[in-house]
Amino acid sequence: MGHVHETSTERRARRTRHKLKLAAPGKLRMSVYRSNLNFAVQIIDDTKGHTLVSASTAEKKLRTGLKTTHGMDAAIAVGKAIAERASKAGITNVYFDRGSYRYTGRIKALADAARESGLKF
């Protein structure tokens, strides 16, 4: 059934996203991307295909004061930043799209920081 040249990472992400869409239809999606150097988070309206709010360690504002852009502190900073920006945009409820990443370590720290800063998911 899968796509022709789909990697296992893409398959895991698609499976996660599908389950979440069934559980929370019409809700905004908070998508996380983690690379070896950076973190990026977006809140996406899937009905329109628009990114409403985003935060990343590639931004100079978020990088200042961080030792690295890919560690636990960076994940927490991005989580707080996305929650702050979401509340300014009037967004309170989202669903957390972890993609192909396991919900441990830096991904969990990012989610916990966003929750503590007022984002509900």
N, C-alpha and C. Protein backbone atom coordinates (compact mmCIF):
# COMPACT_ATOMS: atom_id res chain seq x y z
N MET A 1 0.81 -1.19 0.00
CA MET A 1 0.00 0.00 0.00
C MET A 1 0.85 1.26 0.00
N GLY A 2 2.05 1.23 0.57
CA GLY A 2 2.88 2.42 0.74
C GLY A 2 3.30 3.06 -0.57
N HIS A 3 4.01 4.14 -0.42
CA HIS A 3 4.51 4.86 -1.58
C HIS A 3 5.72 4.13 -2.15
N VAL A 4 6.00 4.31 -3.41
CA VAL A 4 6.99 3.50 -4.11
C VAL A 4 8.39 3.61 -3.52
N HIS A 5 8.92 4.81 -3.37
CA HIS A 5 10.30 4.98 -2.90
C HIS A 5 10.33 5.61 -1.51
N GLU A 6 9.52 5.10 -0.62
CA GLU A 6 9.40 5.67 0.70
C GLU A 6 10.39 5.01 1.66
N THR A 7 11.12 5.84 2.42
CA THR A 7 12.06 5.28 3.40
C THR A 7 11.29 4.90 4.66
N SER A 8 11.95 4.18 5.54
CA SER A 8 11.30 3.78 6.79
C SER A 8 10.98 5.00 7.65
N THR A 9 11.83 6.03 7.58
CA THR A 9 11.59 7.26 8.33
C THR A 9 10.32 7.94 7.83
N GLU A 10 10.17 8.04 6.52
CA GLU A 10 8.98 8.66 5.95
C GLU A 10 7.73 7.84 6.28
N ARG A 11 7.86 6.53 6.28
CA ARG A 11 6.74 5.66 6.59
C ARG A 11 6.29 5.84 8.05
N ARG A 12 7.26 5.91 8.96
CA ARG A 12 6.94 6.13 10.37
C ARG A 12 6.24 7.47 10.56
N ALA A 13 6.75 8.53 9.91
CA ALA A 13 6.16 9.86 10.04
C ALA A 13 4.74 9.86 9.49
N ARG A 14 4.52 9.22 8.35
CA ARG A 14 3.19 9.19 7.73
C ARG A 14 2.21 8.43 8.63
N ARG A 15 2.66 7.34 9.22
CA ARG A 15 1.82 6.54 10.12
C ARG A 15 1.42 7.36 11.35
N THR A 16 2.39 8.06 11.95
CA THR A 16 2.13 8.89 13.12
C THR A 16 1.12 9.97 12.78
N ARG A 17 1.35 10.66 11.67
CA ARG A 17 0.47 11.76 11.25
C ARG A 17 -0.94 11.26 10.99
N HIS A 18 -1.07 10.10 10.36
CA HIS A 18 -2.38 9.53 10.05
C HIS A 18 -3.16 9.24 11.33
N LYS A 19 -2.51 8.62 12.30
CA LYS A 19 -3.17 8.30 13.57
C LYS A 19 -3.64 9.57 14.28
N LEU A 20 -2.80 10.60 14.25
CA LEU A 20 -3.14 11.84 14.92
C LEU A 20 -4.29 12.56 14.23
N LYS A 21 -4.31 12.54 12.91
CA LYS A 21 -5.40 13.19 12.18
C LYS A 21 -6.74 12.53 12.48
N LEU A 22 -6.74 11.22 12.65
CA LEU A 22 -7.97 10.52 12.99
C LEU A 22 -8.43 10.88 14.39
N ALA A 23 -7.49 11.05 15.31
CA ALA A 23 -7.81 11.34 16.70
C ALA A 23 -8.25 12.80 16.90
N ALA A 24 -7.72 13.71 16.09
CA ALA A 24 -8.00 15.14 16.28
C ALA A 24 -8.30 15.82 14.96
N PRO A 25 -9.44 15.52 14.33
CA PRO A 25 -9.74 16.13 13.04
C PRO A 25 -10.00 17.62 13.17
N GLY A 26 -9.45 18.39 12.25
CA GLY A 26 -9.68 19.84 12.23
C GLY A 26 -8.81 20.64 13.17
N LYS A 27 -8.02 19.97 14.02
CA LYS A 27 -7.13 20.69 14.94
C LYS A 27 -5.88 21.14 14.22
N LEU A 28 -5.23 22.16 14.75
CA LEU A 28 -3.96 22.61 14.20
C LEU A 28 -2.87 21.62 14.59
N ARG A 29 -1.87 21.48 13.73
CA ARG A 29 -0.81 20.49 13.95
C ARG A 29 0.49 21.19 14.32
N MET A 30 1.12 20.75 15.41
CA MET A 30 2.43 21.26 15.78
C MET A 30 3.47 20.23 15.35
N SER A 31 4.18 20.54 14.28
CA SER A 31 5.12 19.61 13.68
C SER A 31 6.54 19.93 14.13
N VAL A 32 7.29 18.89 14.49
CA VAL A 32 8.66 19.06 14.98
C VAL A 32 9.64 18.49 13.97
N TYR A 33 10.74 19.21 13.76
CA TYR A 33 11.83 18.71 12.93
C TYR A 33 13.11 18.81 13.74
N ARG A 34 13.85 17.72 13.79
CA ARG A 34 15.10 17.69 14.55
C ARG A 34 16.22 17.25 13.61
N SER A 35 17.25 18.06 13.52
CA SER A 35 18.41 17.65 12.74
C SER A 35 19.58 17.52 13.71
N ASN A 36 20.75 17.20 13.19
CA ASN A 36 21.92 17.10 14.06
C ASN A 36 22.35 18.46 14.60
N LEU A 37 21.95 19.53 13.92
CA LEU A 37 22.39 20.87 14.33
C LEU A 37 21.27 21.75 14.87
N ASN A 38 20.03 21.53 14.48
CA ASN A 38 18.96 22.45 14.84
C ASN A 38 17.65 21.76 15.18
N PHE A 39 16.75 22.57 15.75
CA PHE A 39 15.37 22.19 16.00
C PHE A 39 14.49 23.18 15.26
N ALA A 40 13.38 22.71 14.74
CA ALA A 40 12.39 23.60 14.14
C ALA A 40 11.01 23.08 14.48
N VAL A 41 10.10 24.00 14.80
CA VAL A 41 8.73 23.65 15.13
C VAL A 41 7.82 24.58 14.36
N GLN A 42 6.73 24.02 13.82
CA GLN A 42 5.75 24.83 13.11
C GLN A 42 4.36 24.44 13.59
N ILE A 43 3.47 25.42 13.63
CA ILE A 43 2.07 25.13 13.85
C ILE A 43 1.39 25.35 12.52
N ILE A 44 0.76 24.28 12.02
CA ILE A 44 0.25 24.26 10.65
C ILE A 44 -1.26 24.06 10.64
N ASP A 45 -1.93 24.82 9.79
CA ASP A 45 -3.35 24.62 9.54
C ASP A 45 -3.45 23.75 8.29
N ASP A 46 -3.74 22.46 8.48
CA ASP A 46 -3.75 21.52 7.36
C ASP A 46 -4.91 21.73 6.40
N THR A 47 -5.97 22.38 6.86
CA THR A 47 -7.10 22.61 5.95
C THR A 47 -6.72 23.60 4.86
N LYS A 48 -5.88 24.58 5.20
CA LYS A 48 -5.43 25.58 4.23
C LYS A 48 -4.03 25.31 3.72
N GLY A 49 -3.27 24.49 4.45
CA GLY A 49 -1.89 24.22 4.08
C GLY A 49 -0.96 25.38 4.39
N HIS A 50 -1.27 26.11 5.47
CA HIS A 50 -0.46 27.28 5.84
C HIS A 50 0.24 27.07 7.18
N THR A 51 1.45 27.56 7.27
CA THR A 51 2.15 27.60 8.54
C THR A 51 1.74 28.89 9.23
N LEU A 52 1.21 28.77 10.44
CA LEU A 52 0.72 29.94 11.17
C LEU A 52 1.81 30.54 12.05
N VAL A 53 2.56 29.68 12.73
CA VAL A 53 3.61 30.13 13.66
C VAL A 53 4.77 29.16 13.56
N SER A 54 5.99 29.68 13.70
CA SER A 54 7.15 28.79 13.68
C SER A 54 8.23 29.30 14.63
N ALA A 55 9.12 28.40 15.02
CA ALA A 55 10.27 28.75 15.85
C ALA A 55 11.39 27.78 15.51
N SER A 56 12.62 28.27 15.49
CA SER A 56 13.75 27.43 15.14
C SER A 56 15.03 27.95 15.78
N THR A 57 15.95 27.04 16.05
CA THR A 57 17.25 27.46 16.59
C THR A 57 18.12 28.08 15.50
N ALA A 58 17.65 28.06 14.26
CA ALA A 58 18.38 28.74 13.19
C ALA A 58 18.20 30.26 13.29
N GLU A 59 17.19 30.71 14.05
CA GLU A 59 16.96 32.14 14.26
C GLU A 59 17.99 32.69 15.24
N LYS A 60 18.50 33.87 14.94
CA LYS A 60 19.50 34.47 15.82
C LYS A 60 18.94 34.76 17.21
N LYS A 61 17.68 35.17 17.26
CA LYS A 61 17.05 35.48 18.55
C LYS A 61 17.07 34.30 19.50
N LEU A 62 16.77 33.12 18.97
CA LEU A 62 16.74 31.92 19.81
C LEU A 62 18.13 31.36 20.10
N ARG A 63 19.07 31.64 19.22
CA ARG A 63 20.42 31.10 19.40
C ARG A 63 21.20 31.78 20.52
N THR A 64 20.91 33.06 20.76
CA THR A 64 21.66 33.80 21.77
C THR A 64 21.43 33.19 23.15
N GLY A 65 22.51 32.98 23.85
CA GLY A 65 22.44 32.42 25.20
C GLY A 65 22.47 30.90 25.25
N LEU A 66 22.43 30.24 24.11
CA LEU A 66 22.48 28.78 24.07
C LEU A 66 23.91 28.32 23.80
N LYS A 67 24.31 27.27 24.50
CA LYS A 67 25.65 26.70 24.27
C LYS A 67 25.71 26.00 22.92
N THR A 68 24.65 25.18 22.64
CA THR A 68 24.55 24.52 21.34
C THR A 68 23.13 24.71 20.82
N THR A 69 22.93 24.49 19.53
CA THR A 69 21.60 24.65 18.94
C THR A 69 20.86 23.32 18.81
N HIS A 70 21.44 22.25 19.36
CA HIS A 70 20.81 20.95 19.20
C HIS A 70 20.67 20.16 20.49
N GLY A 71 20.98 20.77 21.62
CA GLY A 71 20.91 20.06 22.89
C GLY A 71 19.58 20.22 23.60
N MET A 72 19.55 19.75 24.82
CA MET A 72 18.34 19.80 25.64
C MET A 72 17.90 21.25 25.90
N ASP A 73 18.86 22.13 26.18
CA ASP A 73 18.53 23.54 26.42
C ASP A 73 17.90 24.18 25.20
N ALA A 74 18.39 23.83 24.02
CA ALA A 74 17.85 24.36 22.78
C ALA A 74 16.41 23.87 22.58
N ALA A 75 16.15 22.60 22.89
CA ALA A 75 14.81 22.05 22.75
C ALA A 75 13.83 22.79 23.66
N ILE A 76 14.25 23.05 24.88
CA ILE A 76 13.40 23.76 25.84
C ILE A 76 13.14 25.19 25.37
N ALA A 77 14.18 25.86 24.85
CA ALA A 77 14.03 27.23 24.36
C ALA A 77 13.05 27.30 23.19
N VAL A 78 13.13 26.35 22.29
CA VAL A 78 12.22 26.32 21.13
C VAL A 78 10.79 26.02 21.59
N GLY A 79 10.63 25.12 22.54
CA GLY A 79 9.31 24.81 23.08
C GLY A 79 8.65 26.02 23.71
N LYS A 80 9.42 26.78 24.49
CA LYS A 80 8.89 28.00 25.11
C LYS A 80 8.55 29.04 24.06
N ALA A 81 9.43 29.19 23.06
CA ALA A 81 9.23 30.19 22.01
C ALA A 81 7.98 29.89 21.19
N ILE A 82 7.75 28.63 20.84
CA ILE A 82 6.58 28.31 20.01
C ILE A 82 5.30 28.54 20.81
N ALA A 83 5.31 28.23 22.10
CA ALA A 83 4.13 28.46 22.94
C ALA A 83 3.83 29.94 23.07
N GLU A 84 4.88 30.74 23.24
CA GLU A 84 4.73 32.20 23.34
C GLU A 84 4.13 32.77 22.06
N ARG A 85 4.70 32.39 20.93
CA ARG A 85 4.25 32.90 19.64
C ARG A 85 2.84 32.42 19.31
N ALA A 86 2.52 31.21 19.72
CA ALA A 86 1.18 30.68 19.49
C ALA A 86 0.15 31.45 20.30
N SER A 87 0.46 31.76 21.55
CA SER A 87 -0.49 32.50 22.38
C SER A 87 -0.70 33.91 21.84
N LYS A 88 0.34 34.52 21.29
CA LYS A 88 0.20 35.85 20.67
C LYS A 88 -0.71 35.77 19.44
N ALA A 89 -0.67 34.64 18.75
CA ALA A 89 -1.50 34.45 17.55
C ALA A 89 -2.90 33.93 17.91
N GLY A 90 -3.16 33.73 19.20
CA GLY A 90 -4.47 33.26 19.64
C GLY A 90 -4.66 31.75 19.52
N ILE A 91 -3.57 31.01 19.46
CA ILE A 91 -3.63 29.55 19.33
C ILE A 91 -3.39 28.93 20.70
N THR A 92 -4.32 28.08 21.14
CA THR A 92 -4.15 27.44 22.45
C THR A 92 -4.13 25.92 22.35
N ASN A 93 -4.89 25.35 21.40
CA ASN A 93 -4.99 23.89 21.27
C ASN A 93 -4.39 23.41 19.95
N VAL A 94 -3.50 22.44 20.04
CA VAL A 94 -2.89 21.84 18.85
C VAL A 94 -2.77 20.34 19.10
N TYR A 95 -2.35 19.60 18.08
CA TYR A 95 -1.93 18.22 18.34
C TYR A 95 -0.46 18.11 17.96
N PHE A 96 0.26 17.30 18.72
CA PHE A 96 1.72 17.21 18.62
C PHE A 96 2.12 16.15 17.61
N ASP A 97 2.69 16.59 16.50
CA ASP A 97 3.15 15.69 15.45
C ASP A 97 4.65 15.49 15.63
N ARG A 98 5.02 14.36 16.22
CA ARG A 98 6.43 14.10 16.47
C ARG A 98 7.13 13.54 15.24
N GLY A 99 6.36 13.30 14.18
CA GLY A 99 6.94 12.78 12.95
C GLY A 99 7.48 11.38 13.16
N SER A 100 8.71 11.15 12.75
CA SER A 100 9.30 9.82 12.89
C SER A 100 10.14 9.70 14.16
N TYR A 101 10.16 10.77 14.97
CA TYR A 101 11.00 10.78 16.16
C TYR A 101 10.28 10.14 17.34
N ARG A 102 11.03 9.45 18.18
CA ARG A 102 10.46 8.86 19.39
C ARG A 102 10.22 9.96 20.41
N TYR A 103 9.20 9.77 21.23
CA TYR A 103 8.83 10.77 22.23
C TYR A 103 9.68 10.57 23.48
N THR A 104 10.97 10.83 23.35
CA THR A 104 11.89 10.78 24.49
C THR A 104 12.90 11.90 24.33
N GLY A 105 13.70 12.11 25.35
CA GLY A 105 14.81 13.05 25.27
C GLY A 105 14.42 14.45 24.86
N ARG A 106 15.07 14.93 23.79
CA ARG A 106 14.90 16.32 23.35
C ARG A 106 13.49 16.61 22.85
N ILE A 107 12.86 15.63 22.19
CA ILE A 107 11.51 15.82 21.69
C ILE A 107 10.53 15.98 22.86
N LYS A 108 10.70 15.15 23.88
CA LYS A 108 9.85 15.24 25.08
C LYS A 108 10.10 16.54 25.82
N ALA A 109 11.36 16.97 25.92
CA ALA A 109 11.70 18.22 26.60
C ALA A 109 11.05 19.41 25.89
N LEU A 110 11.06 19.39 24.57
CA LEU A 110 10.44 20.45 23.77
C LEU A 110 8.94 20.48 24.04
N ALA A 111 8.30 19.32 24.03
CA ALA A 111 6.85 19.23 24.26
C ALA A 111 6.50 19.70 25.67
N ASP A 112 7.26 19.25 26.65
CA ASP A 112 6.99 19.65 28.04
C ASP A 112 7.14 21.16 28.24
N ALA A 113 8.16 21.75 27.61
CA ALA A 113 8.37 23.19 27.72
C ALA A 113 7.22 23.96 27.08
N ALA A 114 6.72 23.46 25.95
CA ALA A 114 5.59 24.11 25.28
C ALA A 114 4.33 24.02 26.15
N ARG A 115 4.13 22.86 26.78
CA ARG A 115 2.96 22.68 27.66
C ARG A 115 3.06 23.61 28.86
N GLU A 116 4.22 23.68 29.47
CA GLU A 116 4.41 24.53 30.65
C GLU A 116 4.19 25.99 30.32
N SER A 117 4.46 26.37 29.07
CA SER A 117 4.30 27.75 28.66
C SER A 117 2.88 28.06 28.17
N GLY A 118 1.96 27.10 28.30
CA GLY A 118 0.57 27.38 28.05
C GLY A 118 -0.08 26.73 26.84
N LEU A 119 0.67 26.01 26.02
CA LEU A 119 0.10 25.35 24.85
C LEU A 119 -0.54 24.03 25.28
N LYS A 120 -1.75 23.76 24.80
CA LYS A 120 -2.45 22.53 25.21
C LYS A 120 -2.44 21.51 24.10
N PHE A 121 -1.95 20.30 24.42
CA PHE A 121 -2.02 19.17 23.49
C PHE A 121 -1.85 17.88 24.25
